[in-house]
């Protein structure tokens, strides 16, 4: 329901992804290097323990990450005005298969455990 409402508000988002609902994504443009870095994170947390006081004096529970699954076939799509030169995995440097449909460059991480980063060179 939330995703449907958000799609109506933002017709052409900068980034689309198939991450699950606990996923997080960010996009960083590095003008001097003419590239985007797309970070995809997936680590569902569980609330544990009793409340504690933060440095600001608020009460909070501890969020624990455990048993984080490996995801396969997580896709990303970044809106660009023209086709990129290269899309690759930031960790391994290996090229990722991609295609450009005239509006978005699409790629897929074969394997994602907690964090994946794609570099999109212009």
PDB file of N, CA and C in Angstrom:
ATOM      1  N   UNK A   1       0.814  -1.177   0.000  1.00  0.00           N
ATOM      2  CA  UNK A   1       0.000   0.000   0.000  1.00  0.00           C
ATOM      3  C   UNK A   1       0.872   1.260   0.000  1.00  0.00           C
ATOM      4  N   UNK A   2       1.892   1.266   0.874  1.00  0.00           N
ATOM      5  CA  UNK A   2       2.783   2.427   0.946  1.00  0.00           C
ATOM      6  C   UNK A   2       3.524   2.614  -0.365  1.00  0.00           C
ATOM      7  N   UNK A   3       4.018   1.505  -0.913  1.00  0.00           N
ATOM      8  CA  UNK A   3       4.768   1.586  -2.168  1.00  0.00           C
ATOM      9  C   UNK A   3       3.902   2.149  -3.283  1.00  0.00           C
ATOM     10  N   UNK A   4       2.630   1.738  -3.328  1.00  0.00           N
ATOM     11  CA  UNK A   4       1.713   2.243  -4.338  1.00  0.00           C
ATOM     12  C   UNK A   4       1.480   3.743  -4.209  1.00  0.00           C
ATOM     13  N   UNK A   5       1.312   4.205  -2.963  1.00  0.00           N
ATOM     14  CA  UNK A   5       1.114   5.641  -2.727  1.00  0.00           C
ATOM     15  C   UNK A   5       2.362   6.431  -3.108  1.00  0.00           C
ATOM     16  N   UNK A   6       3.520   5.912  -2.767  1.00  0.00           N
ATOM     17  CA  UNK A   6       4.776   6.586  -3.088  1.00  0.00           C
ATOM     18  C   UNK A   6       4.979   6.660  -4.599  1.00  0.00           C
ATOM     19  N   UNK A   7       4.624   5.593  -5.301  1.00  0.00           N
ATOM     20  CA  UNK A   7       4.757   5.572  -6.758  1.00  0.00           C
ATOM     21  C   UNK A   7       3.873   6.639  -7.410  1.00  0.00           C
ATOM     22  N   UNK A   8       2.706   6.881  -6.839  1.00  0.00           N
ATOM     23  CA  UNK A   8       1.829   7.923  -7.381  1.00  0.00           C
ATOM     24  C   UNK A   8       2.407   9.312  -7.163  1.00  0.00           C
ATOM     25  N   UNK A   9       3.123   9.509  -6.047  1.00  0.00           N
ATOM     26  CA  UNK A   9       3.711  10.813  -5.746  1.00  0.00           C
ATOM     27  C   UNK A   9       4.962  11.094  -6.570  1.00  0.00           C
ATOM     28  N   UNK A  10       5.786  10.066  -6.756  1.00  0.00           N
ATOM     29  CA  UNK A  10       7.054  10.209  -7.476  1.00  0.00           C
ATOM     30  C   UNK A  10       7.000   9.294  -8.697  1.00  0.00           C
ATOM     31  N   UNK A  11       6.609   9.861  -9.831  1.00  0.00           N
ATOM     32  CA  UNK A  11       6.433   9.055 -11.041  1.00  0.00           C
ATOM     33  C   UNK A  11       7.741   8.509 -11.597  1.00  0.00           C
ATOM     34  N   UNK A  12       8.782   9.339 -11.578  1.00  0.00           N
ATOM     35  CA  UNK A  12      10.071   8.931 -12.129  1.00  0.00           C
ATOM     36  C   UNK A  12      11.153   9.103 -11.065  1.00  0.00           C
ATOM     37  N   UNK A  13      11.276   8.148 -10.145  1.00  0.00           N
ATOM     38  CA  UNK A  13      12.284   8.282  -9.094  1.00  0.00           C
ATOM     39  C   UNK A  13      13.703   8.207  -9.668  1.00  0.00           C
ATOM     40  N   UNK A  14      14.628   8.761  -8.951  1.00  0.00           N
ATOM     41  CA  UNK A  14      16.032   8.694  -9.356  1.00  0.00           C
ATOM     42  C   UNK A  14      16.524   7.257  -9.343  1.00  0.00           C
ATOM     43  N   UNK A  15      16.074   6.474  -8.360  1.00  0.00           N
ATOM     44  CA  UNK A  15      16.551   5.105  -8.181  1.00  0.00           C
ATOM     45  C   UNK A  15      15.375   4.171  -7.951  1.00  0.00           C
ATOM     46  N   UNK A  16      15.429   3.016  -8.605  1.00  0.00           N
ATOM     47  CA  UNK A  16      14.481   1.929  -8.354  1.00  0.00           C
ATOM     48  C   UNK A  16      15.299   0.713  -7.946  1.00  0.00           C
ATOM     49  N   UNK A  17      14.749  -0.093  -7.030  1.00  0.00           N
ATOM     50  CA  UNK A  17      15.450  -1.299  -6.608  1.00  0.00           C
ATOM     51  C   UNK A  17      14.458  -2.365  -6.189  1.00  0.00           C
ATOM     52  N   UNK A  18      14.899  -3.607  -6.237  1.00  0.00           N
ATOM     53  CA  UNK A  18      14.060  -4.729  -5.807  1.00  0.00           C
ATOM     54  C   UNK A  18      14.356  -5.138  -4.373  1.00  0.00           C
ATOM     55  N   UNK A  19      15.081  -4.306  -3.634  1.00  0.00           N
ATOM     56  CA  UNK A  19      15.359  -4.618  -2.231  1.00  0.00           C
ATOM     57  C   UNK A  19      14.071  -4.846  -1.458  1.00  0.00           C
ATOM     58  N   UNK A  20      14.134  -5.686  -0.447  1.00  0.00           N
ATOM     59  CA  UNK A  20      12.999  -5.924   0.431  1.00  0.00           C
ATOM     60  C   UNK A  20      12.733  -4.687   1.281  1.00  0.00           C
ATOM     61  N   UNK A  21      11.626  -4.686   2.006  1.00  0.00           N
ATOM     62  CA  UNK A  21      11.189  -3.473   2.719  1.00  0.00           C
ATOM     63  C   UNK A  21      12.166  -2.994   3.793  1.00  0.00           C
ATOM     64  N   UNK A  22      12.987  -3.871   4.338  1.00  0.00           N
ATOM     65  CA  UNK A  22      13.978  -3.444   5.334  1.00  0.00           C
ATOM     66  C   UNK A  22      15.246  -2.890   4.691  1.00  0.00           C
ATOM     67  N   UNK A  23      15.285  -2.844   3.368  1.00  0.00           N
ATOM     68  CA  UNK A  23      16.460  -2.355   2.652  1.00  0.00           C
ATOM     69  C   UNK A  23      16.577  -0.845   2.685  1.00  0.00           C
ATOM     70  N   UNK A  24      17.788  -0.376   2.478  1.00  0.00           N
ATOM     71  CA  UNK A  24      18.082   1.054   2.403  1.00  0.00           C
ATOM     72  C   UNK A  24      18.942   1.281   1.168  1.00  0.00           C
ATOM     73  N   UNK A  25      18.763   2.444   0.552  1.00  0.00           N
ATOM     74  CA  UNK A  25      19.531   2.764  -0.649  1.00  0.00           C
ATOM     75  C   UNK A  25      19.956   4.220  -0.613  1.00  0.00           C
ATOM     76  N   UNK A  26      21.114   4.500  -1.201  1.00  0.00           N
ATOM     77  CA  UNK A  26      21.573   5.881  -1.331  1.00  0.00           C
ATOM     78  C   UNK A  26      22.307   6.033  -2.658  1.00  0.00           C
ATOM     79  N   UNK A  27      22.293   7.267  -3.169  1.00  0.00           N
ATOM     80  CA  UNK A  27      22.969   7.588  -4.423  1.00  0.00           C
ATOM     81  C   UNK A  27      23.886   8.771  -4.170  1.00  0.00           C
ATOM     82  N   UNK A  28      25.128   8.646  -4.581  1.00  0.00           N
ATOM     83  CA  UNK A  28      26.114   9.720  -4.442  1.00  0.00           C
ATOM     84  C   UNK A  28      26.666  10.049  -5.823  1.00  0.00           C
ATOM     85  N   UNK A  29      26.623  11.322  -6.204  1.00  0.00           N
ATOM     86  CA  UNK A  29      27.215  11.741  -7.480  1.00  0.00           C
ATOM     87  C   UNK A  29      28.563  12.374  -7.197  1.00  0.00           C
ATOM     88  N   UNK A  30      29.597  11.884  -7.863  1.00  0.00           N
ATOM     89  CA  UNK A  30      30.952  12.420  -7.737  1.00  0.00           C
ATOM     90  C   UNK A  30      31.274  13.128  -9.046  1.00  0.00           C
ATOM     91  N   UNK A  31      31.067  14.440  -9.033  1.00  0.00           N
ATOM     92  CA  UNK A  31      31.206  15.225 -10.262  1.00  0.00           C
ATOM     93  C   UNK A  31      32.621  15.160 -10.835  1.00  0.00           C
ATOM     94  N   UNK A  32      33.630  15.245  -9.966  1.00  0.00           N
ATOM     95  CA  UNK A  32      35.014  15.254 -10.447  1.00  0.00           C
ATOM     96  C   UNK A  32      35.401  13.940 -11.127  1.00  0.00           C
ATOM     97  N   UNK A  33      34.752  12.830 -10.747  1.00  0.00           N
ATOM     98  CA  UNK A  33      35.034  11.536 -11.360  1.00  0.00           C
ATOM     99  C   UNK A  33      33.976  11.135 -12.394  1.00  0.00           C
ATOM    100  N   UNK A  34      32.962  11.975 -12.554  1.00  0.00           N
ATOM    101  CA  UNK A  34      31.870  11.728 -13.496  1.00  0.00           C
ATOM    102  C   UNK A  34      31.271  10.338 -13.302  1.00  0.00           C
ATOM    103  N   UNK A  35      30.821  10.098 -12.058  1.00  0.00           N
ATOM    104  CA  UNK A  35      30.230   8.799 -11.762  1.00  0.00           C
ATOM    105  C   UNK A  35      29.253   8.895 -10.596  1.00  0.00           C
ATOM    106  N   UNK A  36      28.378   7.911 -10.549  1.00  0.00           N
ATOM    107  CA  UNK A  36      27.457   7.737  -9.435  1.00  0.00           C
ATOM    108  C   UNK A  36      27.886   6.506  -8.658  1.00  0.00           C
ATOM    109  N   UNK A  37      27.723   6.547  -7.355  1.00  0.00           N
ATOM    110  CA  UNK A  37      27.854   5.369  -6.516  1.00  0.00           C
ATOM    111  C   UNK A  37      26.484   5.090  -5.929  1.00  0.00           C
ATOM    112  N   UNK A  38      25.993   3.897  -6.163  1.00  0.00           N
ATOM    113  CA  UNK A  38      24.699   3.475  -5.631  1.00  0.00           C
ATOM    114  C   UNK A  38      24.950   2.425  -4.563  1.00  0.00           C
ATOM    115  N   UNK A  39      24.564   2.737  -3.329  1.00  0.00           N
ATOM    116  CA  UNK A  39      24.734   1.827  -2.200  1.00  0.00           C
ATOM    117  C   UNK A  39      23.398   1.185  -1.868  1.00  0.00           C
ATOM    118  N   UNK A  40      23.390  -0.146  -1.796  1.00  0.00           N
ATOM    119  CA  UNK A  40      22.207  -0.892  -1.386  1.00  0.00           C
ATOM    120  C   UNK A  40      22.551  -1.667  -0.123  1.00  0.00           C
ATOM    121  N   UNK A  41      21.742  -1.490   0.904  1.00  0.00           N
ATOM    122  CA  UNK A  41      21.970  -2.142   2.195  1.00  0.00           C
ATOM    123  C   UNK A  41      20.760  -2.975   2.574  1.00  0.00           C
ATOM    124  N   UNK A  42      21.009  -4.179   3.086  1.00  0.00           N
ATOM    125  CA  UNK A  42      19.910  -4.993   3.603  1.00  0.00           C
ATOM    126  C   UNK A  42      20.393  -5.719   4.849  1.00  0.00           C
ATOM    127  N   UNK A  43      19.843  -5.329   5.970  1.00  0.00           N
ATOM    128  CA  UNK A  43      20.170  -5.958   7.244  1.00  0.00           C
ATOM    129  C   UNK A  43      19.000  -5.731   8.194  1.00  0.00           C
ATOM    130  N   UNK A  44      17.997  -6.623   8.177  1.00  0.00           N
ATOM    131  CA  UNK A  44      16.858  -6.433   9.071  1.00  0.00           C
ATOM    132  C   UNK A  44      17.318  -6.527  10.525  1.00  0.00           C
ATOM    133  N   UNK A  45      16.743  -5.677  11.353  1.00  0.00           N
ATOM    134  CA  UNK A  45      17.141  -5.639  12.767  1.00  0.00           C
ATOM    135  C   UNK A  45      16.009  -6.153  13.643  1.00  0.00           C
ATOM    136  N   UNK A  46      16.386  -6.542  14.852  1.00  0.00           N
ATOM    137  CA  UNK A  46      15.425  -6.958  15.868  1.00  0.00           C
ATOM    138  C   UNK A  46      15.695  -6.134  17.113  1.00  0.00           C
ATOM    139  N   UNK A  47      14.609  -5.690  17.760  1.00  0.00           N
ATOM    140  CA  UNK A  47      14.764  -4.949  19.011  1.00  0.00           C
ATOM    141  C   UNK A  47      15.043  -5.940  20.128  1.00  0.00           C
ATOM    142  N   UNK A  48      16.071  -5.648  20.915  1.00  0.00           N
ATOM    143  CA  UNK A  48      16.465  -6.530  22.010  1.00  0.00           C
ATOM    144  C   UNK A  48      16.793  -5.699  23.249  1.00  0.00           C
ATOM    145  N   UNK A  49      16.757  -6.364  24.378  1.00  0.00           N
ATOM    146  CA  UNK A  49      17.209  -5.745  25.627  1.00  0.00           C
ATOM    147  C   UNK A  49      16.246  -4.719  26.179  1.00  0.00           C
ATOM    148  N   UNK A  50      16.662  -4.176  27.292  1.00  0.00           N
ATOM    149  CA  UNK A  50      15.845  -3.152  27.933  1.00  0.00           C
ATOM    150  C   UNK A  50      16.209  -1.788  27.366  1.00  0.00           C
ATOM    151  N   UNK A  51      15.432  -0.806  27.731  1.00  0.00           N
ATOM    152  CA  UNK A  51      15.693   0.552  27.236  1.00  0.00           C
ATOM    153  C   UNK A  51      16.986   1.094  27.854  1.00  0.00           C
ATOM    154  N   UNK A  52      17.663   1.930  27.101  1.00  0.00           N
ATOM    155  CA  UNK A  52      18.863   2.606  27.588  1.00  0.00           C
ATOM    156  C   UNK A  52      18.758   4.076  27.220  1.00  0.00           C
ATOM    157  N   UNK A  53      19.541   4.896  27.866  1.00  0.00           N
ATOM    158  CA  UNK A  53      19.543   6.333  27.569  1.00  0.00           C
ATOM    159  C   UNK A  53      20.633   6.633  26.549  1.00  0.00           C
ATOM    160  N   UNK A  54      20.252   7.381  25.517  1.00  0.00           N
ATOM    161  CA  UNK A  54      21.220   7.799  24.519  1.00  0.00           C
ATOM    162  C   UNK A  54      22.006   8.992  25.061  1.00  0.00           C
ATOM    163  N   UNK A  55      23.018   9.422  24.329  1.00  0.00           N
ATOM    164  CA  UNK A  55      23.803  10.582  24.742  1.00  0.00           C
ATOM    165  C   UNK A  55      22.954  11.843  24.830  1.00  0.00           C
ATOM    166  N   UNK A  56      21.870  11.870  24.048  1.00  0.00           N
ATOM    167  CA  UNK A  56      20.986  13.033  24.067  1.00  0.00           C
ATOM    168  C   UNK A  56      19.928  12.931  25.167  1.00  0.00           C
ATOM    169  N   UNK A  57      19.918  11.827  25.909  1.00  0.00           N
ATOM    170  CA  UNK A  57      18.983  11.655  27.015  1.00  0.00           C
ATOM    171  C   UNK A  57      17.695  10.943  26.663  1.00  0.00           C
ATOM    172  N   UNK A  58      17.509  10.599  25.393  1.00  0.00           N
ATOM    173  CA  UNK A  58      16.298   9.879  24.990  1.00  0.00           C
ATOM    174  C   UNK A  58      16.423   8.407  25.345  1.00  0.00           C
ATOM    175  N   UNK A  59      15.289   7.727  25.474  1.00  0.00           N
ATOM    176  CA  UNK A  59      15.304   6.295  25.730  1.00  0.00           C
ATOM    177  C   UNK A  59      15.175   5.544  24.405  1.00  0.00           C
ATOM    178  N   UNK A  60      15.906   4.455  24.291  1.00  0.00           N
ATOM    179  CA  UNK A  60      15.863   3.652  23.067  1.00  0.00           C
ATOM    180  C   UNK A  60      16.128   2.202  23.409  1.00  0.00           C
ATOM    181  N   UNK A  61      15.727   1.304  22.501  1.00  0.00           N
ATOM    182  CA  UNK A  61      16.059  -0.112  22.625  1.00  0.00           C
ATOM    183  C   UNK A  61      17.206  -0.416  21.672  1.00  0.00           C
ATOM    184  N   UNK A  62      17.923  -1.456  21.945  1.00  0.00           N
ATOM    185  CA  UNK A  62      19.053  -1.855  21.106  1.00  0.00           C
ATOM    186  C   UNK A  62      18.523  -2.611  19.892  1.00  0.00           C
ATOM    187  N   UNK A  63      19.012  -2.240  18.704  1.00  0.00           N
ATOM    188  CA  UNK A  63      18.673  -2.950  17.477  1.00  0.00           C
ATOM    189  C   UNK A  63      19.830  -3.864  17.111  1.00  0.00           C
ATOM    190  N   UNK A  64      19.539  -5.154  16.992  1.00  0.00           N
ATOM    191  CA  UNK A  64      20.553  -6.167  16.720  1.00  0.00           C
ATOM    192  C   UNK A  64      20.369  -6.713  15.308  1.00  0.00           C
ATOM    193  N   UNK A  65      21.486  -6.877  14.585  1.00  0.00           N
ATOM    194  CA  UNK A  65      21.472  -7.557  13.290  1.00  0.00           C
ATOM    195  C   UNK A  65      22.042  -8.948  13.522  1.00  0.00           C
ATOM    196  N   UNK A  66      21.250  -9.970  13.221  1.00  0.00           N
ATOM    197  CA  UNK A  66      21.772 -11.328  13.301  1.00  0.00           C
ATOM    198  C   UNK A  66      21.111 -12.177  12.235  1.00  0.00           C
ATOM    199  N   UNK A  67      21.806 -13.169  11.790  1.00  0.00           N
ATOM    200  CA  UNK A  67      21.284 -14.059  10.768  1.00  0.00           C
ATOM    201  C   UNK A  67      20.819 -13.291   9.529  1.00  0.00           C
ATOM    202  N   UNK A  68      21.676 -12.414   9.037  1.00  0.00           N
ATOM    203  CA  UNK A  68      21.328 -11.629   7.847  1.00  0.00           C
ATOM    204  C   UNK A  68      21.460 -12.537   6.622  1.00  0.00           C
ATOM    205  N   UNK A  69      20.382 -12.698   5.878  1.00  0.00           N
ATOM    206  CA  UNK A  69      20.436 -13.602   4.722  1.00  0.00           C
ATOM    207  C   UNK A  69      21.198 -12.993   3.550  1.00  0.00           C
ATOM    208  N   UNK A  70      21.729 -13.860   2.723  1.00  0.00           N
ATOM    209  CA  UNK A  70      22.323 -13.445   1.453  1.00  0.00           C
ATOM    210  C   UNK A  70      21.182 -13.330   0.447  1.00  0.00           C
ATOM    211  N   UNK A  71      21.137 -12.213  -0.268  1.00  0.00           N
ATOM    212  CA  UNK A  71      20.113 -12.013  -1.294  1.00  0.00           C
ATOM    213  C   UNK A  71      20.725 -12.256  -2.669  1.00  0.00           C
ATOM    214  N   UNK A  72      19.934 -12.790  -3.566  1.00  0.00           N
ATOM    215  CA  UNK A  72      20.394 -13.051  -4.934  1.00  0.00           C
ATOM    216  C   UNK A  72      19.499 -12.314  -5.913  1.00  0.00           C
ATOM    217  N   UNK A  73      20.103 -11.776  -6.962  1.00  0.00           N
ATOM    218  CA  UNK A  73      19.326 -11.135  -8.016  1.00  0.00           C
ATOM    219  C   UNK A  73      18.693  -9.820  -7.615  1.00  0.00           C
ATOM    220  N   UNK A  74      19.357  -9.044  -6.766  1.00  0.00           N
ATOM    221  CA  UNK A  74      18.830  -7.729  -6.383  1.00  0.00           C
ATOM    222  C   UNK A  74      19.118  -6.759  -7.525  1.00  0.00           C
ATOM    223  N   UNK A  75      18.071  -6.123  -8.026  1.00  0.00           N
ATOM    224  CA  UNK A  75      18.238  -5.235  -9.170  1.00  0.00           C
ATOM    225  C   UNK A  75      18.232  -3.774  -8.752  1.00  0.00           C
ATOM    226  N   UNK A  76      18.848  -2.977  -9.593  1.00  0.00           N
ATOM    227  CA  UNK A  76      18.853  -1.534  -9.414  1.00  0.00           C
ATOM    228  C   UNK A  76      18.634  -0.865 -10.754  1.00  0.00           C
ATOM    229  N   UNK A  77      18.053   0.329 -10.716  1.00  0.00           N
ATOM    230  CA  UNK A  77      17.844   1.110 -11.940  1.00  0.00           C
ATOM    231  C   UNK A  77      18.010   2.576 -11.582  1.00  0.00           C
ATOM    232  N   UNK A  78      18.935   3.255 -12.224  1.00  0.00           N
ATOM    233  CA  UNK A  78      19.244   4.654 -11.967  1.00  0.00           C
ATOM    234  C   UNK A  78      18.833   5.485 -13.175  1.00  0.00           C
ATOM    235  N   UNK A  79      18.062   6.556 -12.938  1.00  0.00           N
ATOM    236  CA  UNK A  79      17.607   7.429 -14.024  1.00  0.00           C
ATOM    237  C   UNK A  79      18.770   8.304 -14.485  1.00  0.00           C
ATOM    238  N   UNK A  80      19.057   8.252 -15.789  1.00  0.00           N
ATOM    239  CA  UNK A  80      20.164   9.019 -16.378  1.00  0.00           C
ATOM    240  C   UNK A  80      19.705   9.648 -17.695  1.00  0.00           C
ATOM    241  N   UNK A  81      20.283  10.807 -18.067  1.00  0.00           N
ATOM    242  CA  UNK A  81      19.919  11.435 -19.340  1.00  0.00           C
ATOM    243  C   UNK A  81      20.516  10.728 -20.557  1.00  0.00           C
ATOM    244  N   UNK A  82      21.573   9.947 -20.346  1.00  0.00           N
ATOM    245  CA  UNK A  82      22.191   9.203 -21.450  1.00  0.00           C
ATOM    246  C   UNK A  82      22.826   7.930 -20.895  1.00  0.00           C
ATOM    247  N   UNK A  83      23.175   7.034 -21.801  1.00  0.00           N
ATOM    248  CA  UNK A  83      23.743   5.747 -21.394  1.00  0.00           C
ATOM    249  C   UNK A  83      25.093   5.925 -20.702  1.00  0.00           C
ATOM    250  N   UNK A  84      25.372   5.136 -19.667  1.00  0.00           N
ATOM    251  CA  UNK A  84      26.672   5.212 -19.020  1.00  0.00           C
ATOM    252  C   UNK A  84      27.751   4.528 -19.859  1.00  0.00           C
ATOM    253  N   UNK A  85      28.987   4.752 -19.463  1.00  0.00           N
ATOM    254  CA  UNK A  85      30.118   4.105 -20.128  1.00  0.00           C
ATOM    255  C   UNK A  85      30.351   2.719 -19.533  1.00  0.00           C
ATOM    256  N   UNK A  86      30.161   2.616 -18.208  1.00  0.00           N
ATOM    257  CA  UNK A  86      30.471   1.365 -17.511  1.00  0.00           C
ATOM    258  C   UNK A  86      29.671   1.295 -16.217  1.00  0.00           C
ATOM    259  N   UNK A  87      29.293   0.080 -15.816  1.00  0.00           N
ATOM    260  CA  UNK A  87      28.667  -0.174 -14.515  1.00  0.00           C
ATOM    261  C   UNK A  87      29.424  -1.358 -13.907  1.00  0.00           C
ATOM    262  N   UNK A  88      29.937  -1.164 -12.668  1.00  0.00           N
ATOM    263  CA  UNK A  88      30.718  -2.239 -12.060  1.00  0.00           C
ATOM    264  C   UNK A  88      30.536  -2.286 -10.550  1.00  0.00           C
ATOM    265  N   UNK A  89      30.916  -3.421  -9.982  1.00  0.00           N
ATOM    266  CA  UNK A  89      30.838  -3.648  -8.545  1.00  0.00           C
ATOM    267  C   UNK A  89      31.982  -2.886  -7.867  1.00  0.00           C
ATOM    268  N   UNK A  90      31.654  -2.057  -6.892  1.00  0.00           N
ATOM    269  CA  UNK A  90      32.672  -1.227  -6.237  1.00  0.00           C
ATOM    270  C   UNK A  90      33.695  -2.056  -5.459  1.00  0.00           C
ATOM    271  N   UNK A  91      33.299  -3.211  -4.945  1.00  0.00           N
ATOM    272  CA  UNK A  91      34.223  -4.035  -4.149  1.00  0.00           C
ATOM    273  C   UNK A  91      35.190  -4.831  -4.999  1.00  0.00           C
ATOM    274  N   UNK A  92      34.645  -5.536  -5.985  1.00  0.00           N
ATOM    275  CA  UNK A  92      35.493  -6.434  -6.771  1.00  0.00           C
ATOM    276  C   UNK A  92      36.046  -5.777  -8.033  1.00  0.00           C
ATOM    277  N   UNK A  93      35.407  -4.708  -8.482  1.00  0.00           N
ATOM    278  CA  UNK A  93      35.801  -4.084  -9.744  1.00  0.00           C
ATOM    279  C   UNK A  93      35.262  -4.817 -10.955  1.00  0.00           C
ATOM    280  N   UNK A  94      34.518  -5.900 -10.707  1.00  0.00           N
ATOM    281  CA  UNK A  94      33.968  -6.692 -11.811  1.00  0.00           C
ATOM    282  C   UNK A  94      32.814  -5.946 -12.476  1.00  0.00           C
ATOM    283  N   UNK A  95      32.806  -5.988 -13.798  1.00  0.00           N
ATOM    284  CA  UNK A  95      31.706  -5.369 -14.534  1.00  0.00           C
ATOM    285  C   UNK A  95      30.396  -6.069 -14.198  1.00  0.00           C
ATOM    286  N   UNK A  96      29.332  -5.278 -14.072  1.00  0.00           N
ATOM    287  CA  UNK A  96      27.989  -5.804 -13.899  1.00  0.00           C
ATOM    288  C   UNK A  96      27.281  -5.701 -15.245  1.00  0.00           C
ATOM    289  N   UNK A  97      26.521  -6.727 -15.598  1.00  0.00           N
ATOM    290  CA  UNK A  97      25.738  -6.645 -16.831  1.00  0.00           C
ATOM    291  C   UNK A  97      24.699  -5.561 -16.659  1.00  0.00           C
ATOM    292  N   UNK A  98      24.548  -4.731 -17.704  1.00  0.00           N
ATOM    293  CA  UNK A  98      23.592  -3.630 -17.615  1.00  0.00           C
ATOM    294  C   UNK A  98      22.973  -3.353 -18.970  1.00  0.00           C
ATOM    295  N   UNK A  99      21.854  -2.643 -18.935  1.00  0.00           N
ATOM    296  CA  UNK A  99      21.254  -2.152 -20.170  1.00  0.00           C
ATOM    297  C   UNK A  99      20.628  -0.802 -19.882  1.00  0.00           C
ATOM    298  N   UNK A 100      20.526  -0.007 -20.926  1.00  0.00           N
ATOM    299  CA  UNK A 100      19.964   1.337 -20.830  1.00  0.00           C
ATOM    300  C   UNK A 100      18.738   1.402 -21.723  1.00  0.00           C
ATOM    301  N   UNK A 101      17.600   1.793 -21.141  1.00  0.00           N
ATOM    302  CA  UNK A 101      16.348   1.802 -21.897  1.00  0.00           C
ATOM    303  C   UNK A 101      15.956   3.194 -22.417  1.00  0.00           C
ATOM    304  N   UNK A 102      16.904   4.131 -22.398  1.00  0.00           N
ATOM    305  CA  UNK A 102      16.625   5.495 -22.832  1.00  0.00           C
ATOM    306  C   UNK A 102      16.287   6.420 -21.674  1.00  0.00           C
ATOM    307  N   UNK A 103      16.049   5.838 -20.505  1.00  0.00           N
ATOM    308  CA  UNK A 103      15.727   6.632 -19.315  1.00  0.00           C
ATOM    309  C   UNK A 103      16.451   6.114 -18.070  1.00  0.00           C
ATOM    310  N   UNK A 104      16.522   4.804 -17.927  1.00  0.00           N
ATOM    311  CA  UNK A 104      17.163   4.186 -16.759  1.00  0.00           C
ATOM    312  C   UNK A 104      18.244   3.218 -17.204  1.00  0.00           C
ATOM    313  N   UNK A 105      19.338   3.165 -16.436  1.00  0.00           N
ATOM    314  CA  UNK A 105      20.309   2.095 -16.596  1.00  0.00           C
ATOM    315  C   UNK A 105      19.924   1.031 -15.563  1.00  0.00           C
ATOM    316  N   UNK A 106      19.827  -0.216 -16.014  1.00  0.00           N
ATOM    317  CA  UNK A 106      19.406  -1.335 -15.172  1.00  0.00           C
ATOM    318  C   UNK A 106      20.579  -2.287 -14.986  1.00  0.00           C
ATOM    319  N   UNK A 107      20.731  -2.814 -13.775  1.00  0.00           N
ATOM    320  CA  UNK A 107      21.750  -3.816 -13.487  1.00  0.00           C
ATOM    321  C   UNK A 107      21.234  -4.713 -12.385  1.00  0.00           C
ATOM    322  N   UNK A 108      22.010  -5.764 -12.089  1.00  0.00           N
ATOM    323  CA  UNK A 108      21.616  -6.704 -11.045  1.00  0.00           C
ATOM    324  C   UNK A 108      22.854  -7.172 -10.297  1.00  0.00           C
ATOM    325  N   UNK A 109      22.742  -7.225  -8.971  1.00  0.00           N
ATOM    326  CA  UNK A 109      23.799  -7.824  -8.166  1.00  0.00           C
ATOM    327  C   UNK A 109      23.522  -9.322  -8.101  1.00  0.00           C
ATOM    328  N   UNK A 110      24.441 -10.166  -8.561  1.00  0.00           N
ATOM    329  CA  UNK A 110      24.209 -11.600  -8.480  1.00  0.00           C
ATOM    330  C   UNK A 110      24.060 -12.062  -7.023  1.00  0.00           C
ATOM    331  N   UNK A 111      24.793 -11.385  -6.116  1.00  0.00           N
ATOM    332  CA  UNK A 111      24.792 -11.750  -4.696  1.00  0.00           C
ATOM    333  C   UNK A 111      24.956 -10.478  -3.871  1.00  0.00           C
ATOM    334  N   UNK A 112      24.126 -10.319  -2.844  1.00  0.00           N
ATOM    335  CA  UNK A 112      24.237  -9.157  -1.967  1.00  0.00           C
ATOM    336  C   UNK A 112      24.119  -9.625  -0.520  1.00  0.00           C
ATOM    337  N   UNK A 113      25.158  -9.412   0.268  1.00  0.00           N
ATOM    338  CA  UNK A 113      25.120  -9.727   1.696  1.00  0.00           C
ATOM    339  C   UNK A 113      25.406  -8.459   2.465  1.00  0.00           C
ATOM    340  N   UNK A 114      24.420  -7.904   3.061  1.00  0.00           N
ATOM    341  CA  UNK A 114      24.408  -6.674   3.852  1.00  0.00           C
ATOM    342  C   UNK A 114      24.578  -5.434   2.970  1.00  0.00           C
ATOM    343  N   UNK A 115      25.640  -5.356   2.171  1.00  0.00           N
ATOM    344  CA  UNK A 115      25.904  -4.144   1.410  1.00  0.00           C
ATOM    345  C   UNK A 115      26.432  -4.471   0.021  1.00  0.00           C
ATOM    346  N   UNK A 116      25.917  -3.753  -0.952  1.00  0.00           N
ATOM    347  CA  UNK A 116      26.436  -3.826  -2.309  1.00  0.00           C
ATOM    348  C   UNK A 116      26.559  -2.400  -2.839  1.00  0.00           C
ATOM    349  N   UNK A 117      27.573  -2.153  -3.631  1.00  0.00           N
ATOM    350  CA  UNK A 117      27.767  -0.816  -4.203  1.00  0.00           C
ATOM    351  C   UNK A 117      28.074  -0.944  -5.688  1.00  0.00           C
ATOM    352  N   UNK A 118      27.306  -0.220  -6.482  1.00  0.00           N
ATOM    353  CA  UNK A 118      27.525  -0.211  -7.928  1.00  0.00           C
ATOM    354  C   UNK A 118      28.067   1.160  -8.318  1.00  0.00           C
ATOM    355  N   UNK A 119      29.090   1.169  -9.150  1.00  0.00           N
ATOM    356  CA  UNK A 119      29.640   2.405  -9.698  1.00  0.00           C
ATOM    357  C   UNK A 119      29.117   2.534 -11.125  1.00  0.00           C
ATOM    358  N   UNK A 120      28.510   3.684 -11.402  1.00  0.00           N
ATOM    359  CA  UNK A 120      27.966   3.959 -12.737  1.00  0.00           C
ATOM    360  C   UNK A 120      28.774   5.118 -13.318  1.00  0.00           C
ATOM    361  N   UNK A 121      29.659   4.801 -14.257  1.00  0.00           N
ATOM    362  CA  UNK A 121      30.520   5.806 -14.871  1.00  0.00           C
ATOM    363  C   UNK A 121      29.824   6.431 -16.070  1.00  0.00           C
ATOM    364  N   UNK A 122      29.920   7.758 -16.167  1.00  0.00           N
ATOM    365  CA  UNK A 122      29.295   8.474 -17.285  1.00  0.00           C
ATOM    366  C   UNK A 122      30.280   8.698 -18.412  1.00  0.00           C
TER     367      UNK A 122
END
